[in-house]
């Protein structure tokens, strides 16, 4: 929920509320997201080097829950500062939030490998994670934007401050609850590689892990463009900013309806094919909006529903495919790098988001966007391309890369049986 709020609302908050130039605002997101990415790897290192009765990952979630809430709230506040000071404030609060988020996402995503060792069951877990992800998306879009509008009134800055406080508190509580309510499955005798350099070497030698990381990076660059572009699309192209929340809700509805269907389809095909199919559905919807100049409310909402449905195919799979790739590396190379693999997955996720955020800022500058003003025809034409064609191209690229992933459910079962046999021999 909080990260969706960041991808949907933060760039808009920076440009239209704090009045930070688009390229500078994109730069803050870019730097913050890279801090998040590398902090994820550090979080993996911490997970590998502490021992607790609560497990490897849950203590990190417990410890980070309060700081995550605080810095999320501060990130969406506007103190009485000069323009230059506001930029510094925005950069610092964003960096602190991103570090906290890294120490949330990396251990939380790694838990999927501890909850189950079955490939199909991991897909089912991924489906439920995708449903929860999209419930958060809907909350961030409809309730978040509504909170800004209703509590802010004629002062949107005040509305964003209230939004940050409410959603930050909710996020902190939910992270704490998930840590306390979860139980980690114990690992095997040769559980994981604890040292960073050997872990990195295992990841680089693991062809299937490399494919997951590359596909994830490309997809999330487009994902950032997709989410952040919604507000600009409705405000400046359609000139109906009040409808932006309905589009994001439509994405969320698509993401809630489809995961069980994607999960069932995975059992008949493969995770990689479903990922690629979802990306193609997203690209089709974006290109349709661009080619046909879709402006009617119902066609727009249907298009965004398809985008959400396609997106959910990736969200269902990328954690589960990482867990499968970790098992592949263990089977192929004789050693595991679980924590570091999920740390680097988070790095790829956030690096993609950083690239997408920075790219969007540059593309908005290229379009000639002037915030809170009527745009020229040339600017509007370029905005159409930025909002529709850029995420479509990245979705297609992600689909092409992921199709090289070869760990199917049957292959995974063979690997697990062989790993168990090896374990029994020790």
Protein backbone atom coordinates (compact mmCIF):
# COMPACT_ATOMS: atom_id res chain seq x y z
CA UNK A 1 0.00 0.00 0.00
CA UNK A 2 2.67 2.52 0.97
CA UNK A 3 4.84 1.76 -2.04
CA UNK A 4 1.87 2.07 -4.36
CA UNK A 5 1.18 5.45 -2.78
CA UNK A 6 4.76 6.42 -3.57
CA UNK A 7 4.58 5.28 -7.18
CA UNK A 8 1.15 6.85 -7.78
CA UNK A 9 1.27 10.06 -5.74
CA UNK A 10 4.79 11.01 -4.73
CA UNK A 11 6.05 12.50 -7.99
CA UNK A 12 2.81 14.48 -8.29
CA UNK A 13 3.22 15.66 -4.67
CA UNK A 14 6.75 16.82 -5.43
CA UNK A 15 5.92 18.66 -8.66
CA UNK A 16 2.48 20.10 -7.90
CA UNK A 17 2.54 20.58 -4.11
CA UNK A 18 6.20 21.19 -3.27
CA UNK A 19 6.75 22.81 -6.71
CA UNK A 20 9.97 20.92 -7.35
CA UNK A 21 10.83 20.89 -11.09
CA UNK A 22 9.94 17.55 -12.74
CA UNK A 23 13.54 16.56 -13.54
CA UNK A 24 14.65 17.35 -9.97
CA UNK A 25 11.68 15.47 -8.53
CA UNK A 26 12.50 12.49 -10.72
CA UNK A 27 16.09 12.73 -9.51
CA UNK A 28 14.97 12.45 -5.88
CA UNK A 29 12.95 9.34 -6.70
CA UNK A 30 15.86 7.95 -8.71
CA UNK A 31 18.40 8.42 -5.90
CA UNK A 32 16.02 7.26 -3.20
CA UNK A 33 15.12 4.13 -5.06
CA UNK A 34 18.76 3.22 -5.60
CA UNK A 35 19.35 3.72 -1.87
CA UNK A 36 16.44 1.34 -1.32
CA UNK A 37 17.90 -1.15 -3.77
CA UNK A 38 21.33 -1.36 -2.16
CA UNK A 39 19.82 -1.29 1.33
CA UNK A 40 17.92 -4.43 0.32
CA UNK A 41 21.21 -6.24 -0.19
CA UNK A 42 22.41 -4.99 3.18
CA UNK A 43 19.15 -6.23 4.72
CA UNK A 44 19.92 -9.66 3.26
CA UNK A 45 23.38 -9.52 4.84
CA UNK A 46 21.85 -8.62 8.22
CA UNK A 47 19.35 -11.49 7.89
CA UNK A 48 22.24 -13.88 7.30
CA UNK A 49 24.28 -12.67 10.27
CA UNK A 50 21.91 -12.69 13.20
CA UNK A 51 20.32 -15.52 15.14
CA UNK A 52 16.93 -15.27 16.79
CA UNK A 53 14.29 -17.72 18.02
CA UNK A 54 11.86 -15.75 15.84
CA UNK A 55 13.71 -16.79 12.70
CA UNK A 56 15.86 -15.06 10.13
CA UNK A 57 13.44 -12.52 8.66
CA UNK A 58 10.75 -11.73 11.20
CA UNK A 59 12.96 -9.72 13.61
CA UNK A 60 13.80 -7.29 10.80
CA UNK A 61 10.11 -6.71 10.12
CA UNK A 62 9.39 -6.09 13.79
CA UNK A 63 12.25 -3.61 14.11
CA UNK A 64 11.46 -1.60 11.00
CA UNK A 65 7.69 -1.21 11.45
CA UNK A 66 7.78 2.02 13.50
CA UNK A 67 10.49 3.86 11.47
CA UNK A 68 8.66 2.96 8.26
CA UNK A 69 5.50 4.63 9.56
CA UNK A 70 7.31 7.77 10.73
CA UNK A 71 9.30 8.44 7.57
CA UNK A 72 6.34 7.73 5.29
CA UNK A 73 4.39 10.42 7.14
CA UNK A 74 7.27 12.90 6.97
CA UNK A 75 7.75 12.25 3.26
CA UNK A 76 4.26 13.54 2.46
CA UNK A 77 4.44 16.66 4.64
CA UNK A 78 5.33 20.19 3.52
CA UNK A 79 7.20 22.19 6.15
CA UNK A 80 7.55 25.96 5.86
CA UNK A 81 10.89 26.06 4.04
CA UNK A 82 12.43 27.80 1.06
CA UNK A 83 12.44 26.11 -2.33
CA UNK A 84 16.00 24.87 -1.96
CA UNK A 85 15.40 23.67 1.58
CA UNK A 86 12.25 21.84 0.47
CA UNK A 87 14.29 19.92 -2.10
CA UNK A 88 16.77 18.87 0.61
CA UNK A 89 13.93 17.95 2.98
CA UNK A 90 12.23 15.89 0.28
CA UNK A 91 15.46 14.09 -0.58
CA UNK A 92 16.32 13.26 3.05
CA UNK A 93 12.87 12.02 4.03
CA UNK A 94 12.61 10.00 0.84
CA UNK A 95 16.01 8.39 1.40
CA UNK A 96 15.11 7.47 4.99
CA UNK A 97 11.77 6.03 3.92
CA UNK A 98 13.43 4.00 1.17
CA UNK A 99 15.94 2.46 3.56
CA UNK A 100 13.12 1.48 5.91
CA UNK A 101 11.15 0.05 3.01
CA UNK A 102 14.16 -2.02 1.93
CA UNK A 103 14.35 -3.57 5.39
CA UNK A 104 10.65 -4.37 5.03
CA UNK A 105 10.45 -5.74 1.50
CA UNK A 106 13.58 -7.90 1.41
CA UNK A 107 12.73 -10.08 4.43
CA UNK A 108 9.00 -10.08 3.66
CA UNK A 109 9.55 -11.33 0.10
CA UNK A 110 12.09 -13.94 1.23
CA UNK A 111 9.51 -15.51 3.54
CA UNK A 112 7.85 -17.22 0.55
CA UNK A 113 10.77 -19.63 0.37
CA UNK A 114 10.32 -20.42 4.06
CA UNK A 115 6.57 -20.95 3.86
CA UNK A 116 6.70 -23.69 1.21
CA UNK A 117 9.12 -25.74 -0.89
CA UNK A 118 6.46 -26.72 -3.46
CA UNK A 119 6.45 -24.78 -6.76
CA UNK A 120 2.67 -24.87 -7.23
CA UNK A 121 2.02 -23.89 -3.63
CA UNK A 122 4.40 -20.97 -4.03
CA UNK A 123 2.33 -19.86 -7.02
CA UNK A 124 -0.79 -19.97 -4.87
CA UNK A 125 0.95 -17.92 -2.18
CA UNK A 126 2.05 -15.51 -4.89
CA UNK A 127 -1.55 -15.21 -6.05
CA UNK A 128 -2.70 -14.19 -2.58
CA UNK A 129 0.20 -11.76 -2.30
CA UNK A 130 -0.92 -10.26 -5.61
CA UNK A 131 -4.48 -9.90 -4.32
CA UNK A 132 -3.19 -8.15 -1.20
CA UNK A 133 -0.92 -5.98 -3.36
CA UNK A 134 -3.88 -4.81 -5.39
CA UNK A 135 -6.05 -4.23 -2.35
CA UNK A 136 -3.26 -1.94 -1.22
CA UNK A 137 -3.26 -0.33 -4.66
CA UNK A 138 -6.98 0.37 -4.42
CA UNK A 139 -6.60 1.72 -0.90
CA UNK A 140 -3.77 3.98 -2.00
CA UNK A 141 -5.69 5.20 -5.03
CA UNK A 142 -9.26 5.62 -3.88
CA UNK A 143 -8.83 6.13 -0.16
CA UNK A 144 -5.51 7.92 -0.54
CA UNK A 145 -6.67 10.45 -3.10
CA UNK A 146 -10.00 10.80 -1.28
CA UNK A 147 -8.15 11.46 1.98
CA UNK A 148 -6.16 14.23 0.32
CA UNK A 149 -9.30 15.76 -1.17
CA UNK A 150 -11.59 15.50 1.86
CA UNK A 151 -9.16 16.31 4.66
CA UNK A 152 -7.26 18.89 2.66
CA UNK A 153 -10.22 20.81 1.31
CA UNK A 154 -8.82 23.89 -0.37
CA UNK A 155 -5.35 23.11 1.00
CA UNK A 156 -4.04 19.96 -0.74
CA UNK A 157 -0.75 20.18 1.19
CA UNK A 158 -2.66 19.67 4.44
CA UNK A 159 -4.52 16.77 2.83
CA UNK A 160 -1.25 15.09 1.89
CA UNK A 161 0.05 15.56 5.45
CA UNK A 162 -3.02 13.83 6.86
CA UNK A 163 -2.76 11.12 4.22
CA UNK A 164 0.87 10.45 5.15
CA UNK A 165 0.09 10.19 8.85
CA UNK A 166 -2.89 7.86 8.40
CA UNK A 167 -1.37 5.56 5.79
CA UNK A 168 2.03 5.50 7.46
CA UNK A 169 0.47 4.37 10.73
CA UNK A 170 -1.56 1.70 8.94
CA UNK A 171 1.56 0.44 7.16
CA UNK A 172 3.58 0.20 10.36
CA UNK A 173 0.83 -1.76 12.10
CA UNK A 174 0.39 -4.15 9.16
CA UNK A 175 4.13 -4.90 8.94
CA UNK A 176 4.28 -5.57 12.67
CA UNK A 177 1.24 -7.85 12.50
CA UNK A 178 2.61 -9.85 9.56
CA UNK A 179 5.86 -10.43 11.45
CA UNK A 180 4.14 -11.55 14.62
CA UNK A 181 1.58 -13.76 12.85
CA UNK A 182 4.04 -15.61 10.56
CA UNK A 183 6.07 -18.70 11.35
CA UNK A 184 9.26 -19.51 9.44
CA UNK A 185 9.99 -23.04 8.26
CA UNK A 186 13.45 -24.16 9.33
CA UNK A 187 16.01 -24.64 6.58
CA UNK A 188 18.08 -27.72 5.81
CA UNK A 189 21.48 -28.63 7.14
CA UNK A 190 23.23 -26.56 4.49
CA UNK A 191 20.80 -23.71 4.83
CA UNK A 192 22.27 -20.68 3.11
CA UNK A 193 25.43 -18.90 2.09
CA UNK A 194 26.15 -16.29 4.73
CA UNK A 195 29.02 -14.37 3.13
CA UNK A 196 28.31 -11.65 0.60
CA UNK A 197 30.96 -12.37 -2.04
CA UNK A 198 30.24 -16.12 -2.28
CA UNK A 199 26.52 -15.31 -2.31
CA UNK A 200 26.96 -12.80 -5.12
CA UNK A 201 29.05 -15.30 -7.07
CA UNK A 202 26.29 -17.90 -6.76
CA UNK A 203 23.70 -15.43 -8.04
CA UNK A 204 25.84 -14.42 -11.00
CA UNK A 205 26.46 -18.07 -11.91
CA UNK A 206 22.75 -18.90 -11.63
CA UNK A 207 21.32 -18.39 -15.13
CA UNK A 208 17.71 -18.63 -13.98
CA UNK A 209 18.25 -16.06 -11.23
CA UNK A 210 19.80 -13.67 -13.74
CA UNK A 211 16.71 -13.97 -15.94
CA UNK A 212 14.36 -13.24 -13.04
CA UNK A 213 16.41 -10.19 -12.02
CA UNK A 214 16.59 -8.80 -15.56
CA UNK A 215 12.88 -9.32 -16.22
CA UNK A 216 12.01 -7.74 -12.87
CA UNK A 217 14.17 -4.67 -13.46
CA UNK A 218 12.65 -4.03 -16.89
CA UNK A 219 9.09 -4.63 -15.72
CA UNK A 220 9.29 -2.33 -12.72
CA UNK A 221 10.75 0.49 -14.78
CA UNK A 222 7.56 0.32 -16.83
CA UNK A 223 5.46 -0.20 -13.71
CA UNK A 224 6.72 3.09 -12.27
CA UNK A 225 5.91 4.88 -15.52
CA UNK A 226 2.45 3.31 -15.49
CA UNK A 227 1.53 4.24 -11.93
CA UNK A 228 3.00 7.73 -11.91
CA UNK A 229 1.58 8.50 -15.33
CA UNK A 230 -2.03 8.01 -14.24
CA UNK A 231 -2.33 11.32 -12.39
CA UNK A 232 -0.70 13.29 -15.22
CA UNK A 233 -2.89 11.57 -17.81
CA UNK A 234 -6.13 12.51 -16.11
CA UNK A 235 -5.07 15.98 -15.02
CA UNK A 236 -3.39 17.28 -18.15
CA UNK A 237 -4.65 15.18 -21.08
CA UNK A 238 -8.22 14.34 -20.10
CA UNK A 239 -8.55 17.36 -17.78
CA UNK A 240 -10.57 15.23 -15.37
CA UNK A 241 -8.19 14.87 -12.41
CA UNK A 242 -10.99 13.73 -10.11
CA UNK A 243 -11.28 10.49 -12.13
CA UNK A 244 -7.66 9.41 -11.65
CA UNK A 245 -8.54 7.46 -8.53
CA UNK A 246 -11.10 5.41 -10.46
CA UNK A 247 -8.47 4.40 -13.00
CA UNK A 248 -6.13 3.19 -10.27
CA UNK A 249 -9.05 1.37 -8.65
CA UNK A 250 -9.71 -0.29 -12.03
CA UNK A 251 -6.07 -1.45 -12.06
CA UNK A 252 -6.61 -2.81 -8.56
CA UNK A 253 -9.82 -4.61 -9.50
CA UNK A 254 -8.06 -6.28 -12.43
CA UNK A 255 -5.29 -7.26 -10.06
CA UNK A 256 -7.73 -8.79 -7.58
CA UNK A 257 -9.87 -10.69 -10.07
CA UNK A 258 -7.08 -12.25 -12.11
CA UNK A 259 -4.51 -13.79 -9.69
CA UNK A 260 -6.56 -16.94 -8.96
CA UNK A 261 -7.03 -17.41 -12.71
CA UNK A 262 -3.35 -16.84 -13.40
CA UNK A 263 -2.47 -19.29 -10.62
CA UNK A 264 -4.70 -21.95 -12.20
CA UNK A 265 -3.21 -21.25 -15.63
CA UNK A 266 0.32 -21.66 -14.26
CA UNK A 267 -0.46 -25.29 -13.43
CA UNK A 268 -1.25 -25.89 -17.11
CA UNK A 269 1.62 -23.89 -18.59
CA UNK A 270 4.45 -22.25 -16.64
CA UNK A 271 5.18 -19.20 -14.53
CA UNK A 272 7.31 -17.65 -17.28
CA UNK A 273 4.58 -17.93 -19.91
CA UNK A 274 1.98 -16.39 -17.62
CA UNK A 275 4.37 -13.54 -16.77
CA UNK A 276 4.90 -12.90 -20.50
CA UNK A 277 1.17 -13.11 -21.22
CA UNK A 278 0.44 -10.52 -18.55
CA UNK A 279 3.03 -8.16 -20.01
CA UNK A 280 1.51 -8.48 -23.48
CA UNK A 281 -1.96 -7.75 -22.09
CA UNK A 282 -0.59 -4.59 -20.46
CA UNK A 283 1.15 -3.48 -23.65
CA UNK A 284 -2.00 -4.11 -25.70
CA UNK A 285 -4.07 -1.93 -23.36
CA UNK A 286 -1.57 0.94 -23.40
CA UNK A 287 -1.15 0.87 -27.18
CA UNK A 288 -4.93 0.76 -27.63
CA UNK A 289 -5.32 3.91 -25.53
CA UNK A 290 -2.67 5.64 -27.63
CA UNK A 291 -3.76 4.51 -31.10
CA UNK A 292 -7.48 5.01 -30.63
CA UNK A 293 -7.16 8.14 -28.51
CA UNK A 294 -9.38 6.65 -25.84
CA UNK A 295 -10.92 9.41 -23.73
CA UNK A 296 -14.35 8.08 -22.71
CA UNK A 297 -14.65 7.15 -19.05
CA UNK A 298 -15.82 3.56 -19.57
CA UNK A 299 -13.24 2.61 -22.25
CA UNK A 300 -10.50 4.19 -20.14
CA UNK A 301 -11.54 2.20 -17.08
CA UNK A 302 -11.72 -1.01 -19.12
CA UNK A 303 -8.23 -0.35 -20.45
CA UNK A 304 -6.86 0.20 -16.96
CA UNK A 305 -8.66 -2.95 -15.79
CA UNK A 306 -6.72 -4.88 -18.45
CA UNK A 307 -3.51 -3.20 -17.35
CA UNK A 308 -4.15 -4.31 -13.77
CA UNK A 309 -5.03 -7.82 -14.91
CA UNK A 310 -1.80 -8.07 -16.89
CA UNK A 311 0.29 -6.58 -14.11
CA UNK A 312 -1.01 -9.14 -11.63
CA UNK A 313 0.46 -11.97 -13.73
CA UNK A 314 3.90 -10.63 -12.89
CA UNK A 315 3.12 -9.93 -9.23
CA UNK A 316 1.85 -13.51 -8.85
CA UNK A 317 5.09 -14.91 -10.20
CA UNK A 318 8.20 -12.94 -9.44
CA UNK A 319 8.60 -13.92 -5.77
CA UNK A 320 7.76 -17.56 -6.51
CA UNK A 321 10.10 -17.64 -9.51
CA UNK A 322 12.88 -16.25 -7.34
CA UNK A 323 12.36 -19.03 -4.81
CA UNK A 324 12.41 -21.55 -7.67
CA UNK A 325 15.59 -19.98 -9.04
CA UNK A 326 17.21 -20.24 -5.60
CA UNK A 327 16.42 -23.96 -5.58
CA UNK A 328 17.78 -24.23 -9.12
CA UNK A 329 21.03 -22.62 -8.01
CA UNK A 330 21.25 -24.97 -5.03
CA UNK A 331 20.64 -27.96 -7.31
CA UNK A 332 23.01 -26.80 -10.05
CA UNK A 333 25.81 -25.25 -8.00
CA UNK A 334 25.61 -27.15 -4.73
CA UNK A 335 24.99 -24.13 -2.48
CA UNK A 336 22.11 -21.76 -1.66
CA UNK A 337 22.01 -17.98 -1.70
CA UNK A 338 18.42 -17.44 -0.54
CA UNK A 339 18.67 -14.22 1.45
CA UNK A 340 20.97 -12.54 -1.04
CA UNK A 341 18.82 -13.66 -3.97
CA UNK A 342 15.76 -11.98 -2.50
CA UNK A 343 17.90 -8.99 -1.58
CA UNK A 344 19.01 -8.69 -5.19
CA UNK A 345 15.42 -9.22 -6.34
CA UNK A 346 14.48 -6.20 -4.27
CA UNK A 347 17.48 -4.37 -5.74
CA UNK A 348 16.27 -5.17 -9.26
CA UNK A 349 12.74 -4.14 -8.34
CA UNK A 350 13.88 -0.82 -6.90
CA UNK A 351 16.51 -0.18 -9.54
CA UNK A 352 13.77 -0.60 -12.13
CA UNK A 353 11.54 1.76 -10.18
CA UNK A 354 14.40 4.25 -9.90
CA UNK A 355 15.06 4.07 -13.63
CA UNK A 356 11.34 4.48 -14.30
CA UNK A 357 11.04 7.44 -11.94
CA UNK A 358 14.11 9.17 -13.31
CA UNK A 359 13.04 8.43 -16.87
CA UNK A 360 9.57 9.82 -16.24
CA UNK A 361 11.00 13.05 -14.87
CA UNK A 362 13.19 13.45 -17.96
CA UNK A 363 10.34 12.55 -20.31
CA UNK A 364 8.02 15.05 -18.62
CA UNK A 365 10.67 17.71 -19.14
CA UNK A 366 11.01 16.61 -22.78
CA UNK A 367 7.25 16.87 -23.22
CA UNK A 368 7.36 20.53 -22.17
CA UNK A 369 4.99 20.02 -19.24
CA UNK A 370 4.24 23.16 -17.23
CA UNK A 371 2.60 22.14 -13.96
CA UNK A 372 -0.81 23.53 -13.01
CA UNK A 373 -1.23 25.15 -16.43
CA UNK A 374 -2.95 24.44 -19.73
CA UNK A 375 -0.59 22.53 -22.04
CA UNK A 376 0.19 23.14 -25.71
CA UNK A 377 -0.90 20.65 -28.36
CA UNK A 378 2.71 19.55 -28.83
CA UNK A 379 3.10 18.91 -25.10
CA UNK A 380 -0.16 16.95 -24.98
CA UNK A 381 0.95 14.80 -27.91
CA UNK A 382 4.23 14.03 -26.22
CA UNK A 383 2.48 13.29 -22.92
CA UNK A 384 0.32 10.70 -24.70
CA UNK A 385 3.47 8.95 -25.90
CA UNK A 386 5.20 9.15 -22.52
CA UNK A 387 2.23 7.76 -20.60
CA UNK A 388 1.24 5.02 -23.07
CA UNK A 389 4.10 3.92 -25.30
CA UNK A 390 6.99 3.96 -22.82
CA UNK A 391 5.44 1.49 -20.33
CA UNK A 392 4.14 -0.66 -23.21
CA UNK A 393 7.64 -1.00 -24.68
CA UNK A 394 9.12 -1.98 -21.32
CA UNK A 395 6.37 -4.54 -20.71
CA UNK A 396 7.13 -6.23 -24.04
CA UNK A 397 10.86 -6.24 -23.27
CA UNK A 398 10.21 -7.91 -19.91
CA UNK A 399 8.06 -10.55 -21.62
CA UNK A 400 10.80 -11.40 -24.11
CA UNK A 401 13.45 -11.85 -21.41
CA UNK A 402 11.34 -13.93 -19.02
CA UNK A 403 10.46 -16.51 -21.67
CA UNK A 404 14.01 -17.85 -21.37
CA UNK A 405 13.25 -19.00 -17.79
CA UNK A 406 13.12 -22.82 -17.86
CA UNK A 407 12.30 -23.97 -14.31
CA UNK A 408 8.85 -25.51 -14.75
CA UNK A 409 6.84 -27.15 -11.96
CA UNK A 410 7.90 -30.64 -13.07
CA UNK A 411 11.55 -29.61 -13.29
CA UNK A 412 11.30 -28.07 -9.83
CA UNK A 413 9.88 -31.26 -8.34
CA UNK A 414 12.80 -33.22 -9.79
CA UNK A 415 15.28 -30.75 -8.30
CA UNK A 416 13.67 -30.82 -4.86
CA UNK A 417 13.67 -34.63 -4.80
CA UNK A 418 17.34 -34.71 -5.75
CA UNK A 419 18.21 -32.07 -3.14
CA UNK A 420 16.37 -34.06 -0.47
CA UNK A 421 18.23 -37.19 -1.52
CA UNK A 422 21.54 -35.35 -1.21
CA UNK A 423 20.52 -34.07 2.21
CA UNK A 424 19.74 -37.60 3.34
CA UNK A 425 23.19 -38.77 2.31
CA UNK A 426 24.93 -36.23 4.56
